[in-house]
Amino acid sequence: MNILVTGAAGFIGAALAEALVARGDRVIGIDNLNPYYAVSLKRDRLARVAATAGEAFRFIECDFGDHEALARALDGHGFDRIVHLGAQPGVRYSLENPRAYAHSNISGHLNMLELGRERGVDHLVYASSSSVYGGNEKVPFAVEDRVDHPYSLYAATKKADELMSESYAHLYRLPQTGLRFFTVYGPWGRPDMMPWIFTQKILKGEPIPVFNNGEMSRDFTYVDDIVRGIVACLDGPPGDDGATKPGGSVAPHALYNIGNNRSEELMRVIGIIEAACGRKAQIELLPMQKGDVPRTFADIDAIARDHGFQPETSADEGFPRFVSWFKTYHGID
């Protein structure tokens, strides 16, 4: 297949592109290479993909939030399916720069829906987020749960994406799958996320900021597991058969949680990272930050049933792999 991947220089996008070309697909990757975090890391990811993919991977620098630029960039390029992973990420940054989220996550998502409609693609898989659950009291979180009370603008934009996708599935019968990612981590991860921040500070002997006085838990999901789940969903578009899909749609639009199906206590994960770093952390206990939630926990029954997804990597395996990669990437002995 010919597949368009947005956010191809991102953490998950680059890993997905590598997996798709490894199985014989051709990938067009787009990304605007914005400076939210180090562009050098994004370019290093792209170089890694290009080194193994050869002519099966083509990268185009493009801001998909600009519909005219998107049309120009993809003129003459054909593709059968789209995996839309590109977005402005981060709960905390949405407090500082909300307009970036409107541009990338609202306008950008609409542009990809229009692109999928105009090109008549077989399937559009897009990234949602566990953040849509807000402070959900029921655990584990299920796709049938109400998600009407987001704790951050980032979460609100992801909920809006799901609603826009539902309308396009209804109006234009565009087959779509939305994936609510749960705290993805692993090699080549993002510098604004906990594994990177904690590993870097522990190795430097600096205090690590631990919010809500450490009373936090997360459904940490290893990137290789996430990629396997995306590929499985990509290969199985929802049918336009009137049946009720996960998430409640009777149009060709399914929503799935994709997580590790286990909520890890943050303090236990800190212990795993400490052991992998070979030194103890200096812990600075802080109150809960605005927009954050105390816990996440994915119910993955639907994606397991429909696509055979089962996570394979535990926190005890995954975090040491990240620390090992981090040391190698930064030349730390």
Protein backbone atom coordinates (compact mmCIF):
# COMPACT_ATOMS: atom_id res chain seq x y z
CA MET A 1 0.00 0.00 0.00
CA ASN A 2 0.88 3.65 -0.35
CA ILE A 3 0.33 5.32 3.03
CA LEU A 4 0.45 8.97 4.08
CA VAL A 5 1.77 9.45 7.63
CA THR A 6 1.50 12.85 9.28
CA GLY A 7 3.85 13.72 12.13
CA ALA A 8 6.43 11.52 10.43
CA ALA A 9 9.32 13.19 12.28
CA GLY A 10 7.57 12.64 15.60
CA PHE A 11 8.14 9.91 18.15
CA ILE A 12 5.34 7.55 17.07
CA GLY A 13 5.23 8.68 13.43
CA ALA A 14 8.85 7.83 12.72
CA ALA A 15 8.53 4.43 14.42
CA LEU A 16 5.38 3.70 12.41
CA ALA A 17 6.96 4.75 9.11
CA GLU A 18 9.86 2.40 9.79
CA ALA A 19 7.50 -0.49 10.54
CA LEU A 20 5.37 0.13 7.44
CA VAL A 21 8.27 0.18 5.00
CA ALA A 22 9.75 -2.90 6.70
CA ARG A 23 6.66 -4.86 5.73
CA GLY A 24 6.68 -3.60 2.14
CA ASP A 25 4.51 -0.47 2.15
CA ARG A 26 5.52 2.83 0.62
CA VAL A 27 5.24 5.85 2.91
CA ILE A 28 4.89 9.56 2.28
CA GLY A 29 5.72 11.31 5.53
CA ILE A 30 4.85 14.93 6.27
CA ASP A 31 5.82 17.08 9.23
CA ASN A 32 6.33 20.82 9.75
CA LEU A 33 9.39 20.28 11.99
CA ASN A 34 8.19 22.92 14.44
CA PRO A 35 10.50 23.91 17.31
CA TYR A 36 8.23 22.78 20.18
CA TYR A 37 11.22 20.59 21.04
CA ALA A 38 14.63 20.11 19.42
CA VAL A 39 14.33 19.89 15.64
CA SER A 40 17.63 18.02 15.64
CA LEU A 41 15.93 15.06 17.33
CA LYS A 42 13.20 15.09 14.66
CA ARG A 43 15.78 15.15 11.90
CA ASP A 44 17.68 12.29 13.54
CA ARG A 45 14.49 10.21 13.58
CA LEU A 46 13.93 10.95 9.89
CA ALA A 47 17.52 10.00 9.10
CA ARG A 48 17.02 6.69 10.91
CA VAL A 49 13.92 5.91 8.83
CA ALA A 50 15.55 6.97 5.56
CA ALA A 51 18.62 4.83 6.25
CA THR A 52 16.53 1.65 6.30
CA ALA A 53 13.67 2.58 3.97
CA GLY A 54 15.48 3.86 0.91
CA GLU A 55 13.09 4.88 -1.87
CA ALA A 56 10.10 3.42 -0.01
CA PHE A 57 10.01 6.54 2.21
CA ARG A 58 9.63 10.08 1.00
CA PHE A 59 9.58 13.00 3.42
CA ILE A 60 7.91 16.34 2.68
CA GLU A 61 8.21 19.26 5.07
CA CYS A 62 4.72 20.73 5.31
CA ASP A 63 2.35 22.34 7.80
CA PHE A 64 -0.87 20.35 7.48
CA GLY A 65 -2.65 23.10 9.45
CA ASP A 66 -2.34 25.24 6.30
CA HIS A 67 -4.72 23.69 3.77
CA GLU A 68 -3.21 25.47 0.77
CA ALA A 69 0.32 24.38 1.70
CA LEU A 70 -0.93 20.84 2.26
CA ALA A 71 -2.57 20.72 -1.17
CA ARG A 72 0.60 22.01 -2.87
CA ALA A 73 2.82 19.56 -1.00
CA LEU A 74 0.76 16.51 -1.92
CA ASP A 75 -0.09 17.47 -5.48
CA GLY A 76 0.87 14.53 -7.68
CA HIS A 77 1.33 12.12 -4.76
CA GLY A 78 -1.07 9.21 -4.47
CA PHE A 79 -1.91 7.21 -1.36
CA ASP A 80 -4.47 4.62 -0.35
CA ARG A 81 -4.69 5.24 3.40
CA ILE A 82 -3.77 7.93 5.92
CA VAL A 83 -2.38 7.66 9.44
CA HIS A 84 -2.80 11.10 10.96
CA LEU A 85 -0.51 11.29 14.00
CA GLY A 86 0.65 14.88 13.64
CA ALA A 87 -0.58 17.29 16.30
CA GLN A 88 0.53 19.87 18.82
CA PRO A 89 1.09 17.63 21.85
CA GLY A 90 1.40 18.33 25.53
CA VAL A 91 -1.11 19.13 28.24
CA ARG A 92 0.99 21.75 30.03
CA TYR A 93 2.06 23.66 26.90
CA SER A 94 -1.62 24.13 26.01
CA LEU A 95 -1.83 26.51 28.99
CA GLU A 96 0.91 28.67 27.46
CA ASN A 97 0.13 28.61 23.75
CA PRO A 98 -3.51 27.63 23.15
CA ARG A 99 -3.61 28.94 19.57
CA ALA A 100 -1.00 26.38 18.50
CA TYR A 101 -3.53 23.69 19.44
CA ALA A 102 -6.35 25.32 17.48
CA HIS A 103 -4.11 25.52 14.40
CA SER A 104 -2.66 22.00 14.42
CA ASN A 105 -5.28 19.96 16.23
CA ILE A 106 -8.50 21.61 15.02
CA SER A 107 -7.72 23.16 11.63
CA GLY A 108 -5.13 20.48 10.93
CA HIS A 109 -7.53 17.63 11.66
CA LEU A 110 -10.20 19.22 9.48
CA ASN A 111 -7.68 19.53 6.65
CA MET A 112 -6.86 15.83 6.89
CA LEU A 113 -10.56 14.93 6.87
CA GLU A 114 -11.05 17.02 3.74
CA LEU A 115 -7.99 15.42 2.17
CA GLY A 116 -9.32 11.95 2.94
CA ARG A 117 -12.74 12.85 1.51
CA GLU A 118 -11.34 14.45 -1.65
CA ARG A 119 -8.94 11.59 -2.33
CA GLY A 120 -11.45 8.86 -1.46
CA VAL A 121 -9.01 7.04 0.83
CA ASP A 122 -9.83 3.53 2.05
CA HIS A 123 -9.19 4.35 5.71
CA LEU A 124 -8.05 7.25 7.90
CA VAL A 125 -6.53 6.30 11.25
CA TYR A 126 -5.99 9.23 13.60
CA ALA A 127 -4.47 9.88 17.01
CA SER A 128 -6.73 10.82 19.88
CA SER A 129 -5.61 10.73 23.52
CA SER A 130 -6.39 9.31 26.94
CA SER A 131 -6.57 12.97 28.01
CA VAL A 132 -10.17 13.08 26.74
CA TYR A 133 -11.22 11.14 29.87
CA GLY A 134 -10.35 14.08 32.14
CA GLY A 135 -10.80 13.12 35.78
CA ASN A 136 -12.83 10.01 35.02
CA GLU A 137 -13.55 8.27 38.34
CA LYS A 138 -14.32 4.86 36.83
CA VAL A 139 -11.32 2.68 36.06
CA PRO A 140 -10.27 1.26 33.75
CA PHE A 141 -11.34 3.89 31.21
CA ALA A 142 -13.63 2.47 28.50
CA VAL A 143 -14.48 4.01 25.13
CA GLU A 144 -18.15 3.97 26.17
CA ASP A 145 -17.46 6.35 29.08
CA ARG A 146 -18.60 9.98 28.86
CA VAL A 147 -15.79 12.34 27.89
CA ASP A 148 -17.55 15.69 28.18
CA HIS A 149 -15.37 17.31 30.84
CA PRO A 150 -11.79 17.77 29.56
CA TYR A 151 -9.20 19.03 32.04
CA SER A 152 -7.09 20.81 29.41
CA LEU A 153 -7.43 22.53 26.04
CA TYR A 154 -5.29 19.77 24.54
CA ALA A 155 -7.88 17.22 25.67
CA ALA A 156 -10.69 19.40 24.33
CA THR A 157 -9.07 19.54 20.89
CA LYS A 158 -8.75 15.75 20.80
CA LYS A 159 -12.41 15.36 21.74
CA ALA A 160 -13.25 17.84 18.98
CA ASP A 161 -11.25 15.75 16.52
CA GLU A 162 -13.34 12.71 17.41
CA LEU A 163 -16.55 14.67 16.85
CA MET A 164 -15.39 16.04 13.49
CA SER A 165 -14.40 12.55 12.41
CA GLU A 166 -17.82 11.23 13.38
CA SER A 167 -19.50 13.86 11.22
CA TYR A 168 -17.34 13.00 8.19
CA ALA A 169 -17.99 9.30 8.67
CA HIS A 170 -21.72 10.05 8.75
CA LEU A 171 -21.84 12.58 5.92
CA TYR A 172 -19.29 11.13 3.52
CA ARG A 173 -18.96 7.51 4.73
CA LEU A 174 -15.22 8.07 5.20
CA PRO A 175 -13.92 5.02 7.10
CA GLN A 176 -12.01 6.13 10.19
CA THR A 177 -10.43 4.75 13.35
CA GLY A 178 -9.55 6.99 16.28
CA LEU A 179 -6.96 5.71 18.74
CA ARG A 180 -6.84 7.05 22.30
CA PHE A 181 -3.14 6.69 23.14
CA PHE A 182 -2.12 6.13 26.75
CA THR A 183 1.26 7.67 27.74
CA VAL A 184 3.52 6.29 25.01
CA TYR A 185 7.22 5.97 25.87
CA GLY A 186 10.37 4.29 24.60
CA PRO A 187 13.53 4.97 22.55
CA TRP A 188 13.42 8.17 20.48
CA GLY A 189 10.71 9.56 22.79
CA ARG A 190 9.83 13.19 23.39
CA PRO A 191 11.96 15.50 25.59
CA ASP A 192 8.85 17.06 27.18
CA MET A 193 7.67 13.74 28.64
CA MET A 194 8.39 12.21 32.04
CA PRO A 195 10.83 9.42 30.99
CA TRP A 196 13.16 11.87 29.24
CA ILE A 197 12.91 14.58 31.91
CA PHE A 198 13.48 12.19 34.82
CA THR A 199 16.29 10.25 33.14
CA GLN A 200 18.11 13.42 32.16
CA LYS A 201 17.84 14.97 35.61
CA ILE A 202 18.76 11.79 37.49
CA LEU A 203 21.89 11.34 35.36
CA LYS A 204 22.82 15.00 35.97
CA GLY A 205 22.16 14.75 39.70
CA GLU A 206 19.34 17.31 39.52
CA PRO A 207 16.01 17.12 41.38
CA ILE A 208 13.07 15.64 39.51
CA PRO A 209 9.65 17.36 39.77
CA VAL A 210 7.05 14.88 41.05
CA PHE A 211 3.54 16.32 40.94
CA ASN A 212 0.57 15.60 43.19
CA ASN A 213 3.16 14.60 45.82
CA GLY A 214 3.81 11.40 43.89
CA GLU A 215 0.21 10.18 44.07
CA MET A 216 -0.02 9.59 40.32
CA SER A 217 -0.44 6.52 38.15
CA ARG A 218 -0.25 6.09 34.40
CA ASP A 219 -0.97 3.42 31.84
CA PHE A 220 2.51 3.57 30.27
CA THR A 221 2.55 2.01 26.80
CA TYR A 222 5.76 1.01 25.01
CA VAL A 223 6.15 2.46 21.51
CA ASP A 224 6.62 -0.91 19.77
CA ASP A 225 3.29 -2.09 21.18
CA ILE A 226 1.61 1.11 20.00
CA VAL A 227 2.98 0.69 16.48
CA ARG A 228 1.72 -2.90 16.28
CA GLY A 229 -1.71 -1.69 17.34
CA ILE A 230 -1.78 1.12 14.76
CA VAL A 231 -0.82 -1.27 11.96
CA ALA A 232 -3.46 -3.80 13.01
CA CYS A 233 -6.15 -1.10 13.00
CA LEU A 234 -4.92 0.36 9.70
CA ASP A 235 -5.38 -3.04 8.07
CA GLY A 236 -8.96 -3.41 9.39
CA PRO A 237 -11.13 -0.38 8.56
CA PRO A 238 -14.56 -0.28 10.20
CA GLY A 239 -17.38 -1.45 7.94
CA ASP A 240 -20.18 0.76 6.67
CA ASP A 241 -22.72 -1.82 7.78
CA GLY A 242 -24.91 0.04 10.27
CA ALA A 243 -23.49 -1.95 13.18
CA THR A 244 -22.57 -0.11 16.36
CA LYS A 245 -18.81 0.37 16.57
CA PRO A 246 -16.65 0.84 19.68
CA GLY A 247 -17.38 4.40 20.77
CA GLY A 248 -21.02 4.17 19.74
CA SER A 249 -21.00 5.15 16.04
CA VAL A 250 -23.20 3.39 13.49
CA ALA A 251 -21.21 5.09 10.71
CA PRO A 252 -17.82 3.65 9.60
CA HIS A 253 -16.01 5.19 12.58
CA ALA A 254 -14.51 3.25 15.48
CA LEU A 255 -12.80 4.51 18.64
CA TYR A 256 -10.34 2.41 20.61
CA ASN A 257 -8.18 2.74 23.69
CA ILE A 258 -4.64 1.62 22.98
CA GLY A 259 -2.67 1.16 26.17
CA ASN A 260 -0.84 -1.34 28.32
CA ASN A 261 -4.01 -2.24 30.27
CA ARG A 262 -2.15 -1.64 33.53
CA SER A 263 -1.84 1.52 35.61
CA GLU A 264 1.63 1.88 37.14
CA GLU A 265 2.27 3.89 40.28
CA LEU A 266 4.58 6.77 39.41
CA MET A 267 6.88 6.17 42.37
CA ARG A 268 7.41 2.55 41.27
CA VAL A 269 8.36 3.72 37.78
CA ILE A 270 10.80 6.22 39.27
CA GLY A 271 12.43 3.28 41.05
CA ILE A 272 12.80 1.41 37.74
CA ILE A 273 14.41 4.46 36.12
CA GLU A 274 16.73 4.94 39.11
CA ALA A 275 17.92 1.35 38.84
CA ALA A 276 18.52 1.70 35.10
CA CYS A 277 20.43 4.96 35.63
CA GLY A 278 22.45 3.45 38.46
CA ARG A 279 21.76 6.29 40.88
CA LYS A 280 19.03 7.56 43.19
CA ALA A 281 16.79 10.46 42.26
CA GLN A 282 16.50 13.68 44.22
CA ILE A 283 12.73 14.02 44.45
CA GLU A 284 10.98 17.39 44.64
CA LEU A 285 7.36 16.81 45.65
CA LEU A 286 4.97 19.36 44.12
CA PRO A 287 1.20 19.92 44.00
CA MET A 288 -0.90 18.82 41.03
CA GLN A 289 -0.42 20.93 37.92
CA LYS A 290 -3.32 22.55 36.13
CA GLY A 291 -4.72 20.38 33.36
CA ASP A 292 -3.16 17.17 34.66
CA VAL A 293 -5.03 14.09 35.89
CA PRO A 294 -4.12 11.78 38.78
CA ARG A 295 -4.40 8.50 36.90
CA THR A 296 -4.99 6.81 33.55
CA PHE A 297 -5.90 3.18 32.94
CA ALA A 298 -6.97 1.74 29.57
CA ASP A 299 -9.68 -0.82 29.03
CA ILE A 300 -8.44 -2.45 25.79
CA ASP A 301 -11.10 -5.15 25.43
CA ALA A 302 -12.49 -3.63 22.22
CA ILE A 303 -9.18 -3.37 20.33
CA ALA A 304 -8.16 -6.82 21.58
CA ARG A 305 -11.42 -8.31 20.31
CA ASP A 306 -11.52 -6.51 16.94
CA HIS A 307 -7.81 -6.37 16.05
CA GLY A 308 -6.04 -8.89 18.28
CA PHE A 309 -4.05 -6.19 20.07
CA GLN A 310 -2.19 -7.25 23.19
CA PRO A 311 0.68 -5.25 24.72
CA GLU A 312 3.88 -7.22 25.13
CA THR A 313 6.24 -4.88 26.99
CA SER A 314 6.06 -4.29 30.74
CA ALA A 315 7.33 -1.18 32.50
CA ASP A 316 10.13 -3.29 34.00
CA GLU A 317 11.36 -4.05 30.47
CA GLY A 318 10.49 -0.84 28.67
CA PHE A 319 11.95 1.85 30.91
CA PRO A 320 15.45 0.31 31.06
CA ARG A 321 15.38 0.13 27.25
CA PHE A 322 14.59 3.84 27.13
CA VAL A 323 17.38 4.70 29.57
CA SER A 324 19.84 2.60 27.56
CA TRP A 325 18.86 4.39 24.35
CA PHE A 326 19.03 7.78 26.09
CA LYS A 327 22.60 7.14 27.25
CA THR A 328 23.67 5.97 23.79
CA TYR A 329 22.00 8.87 22.00
CA HIS A 330 23.69 11.40 24.28
CA GLY A 331 27.05 9.60 24.44
CA ILE A 332 26.77 8.89 28.18
CA ASP A 333 28.82 5.98 29.52
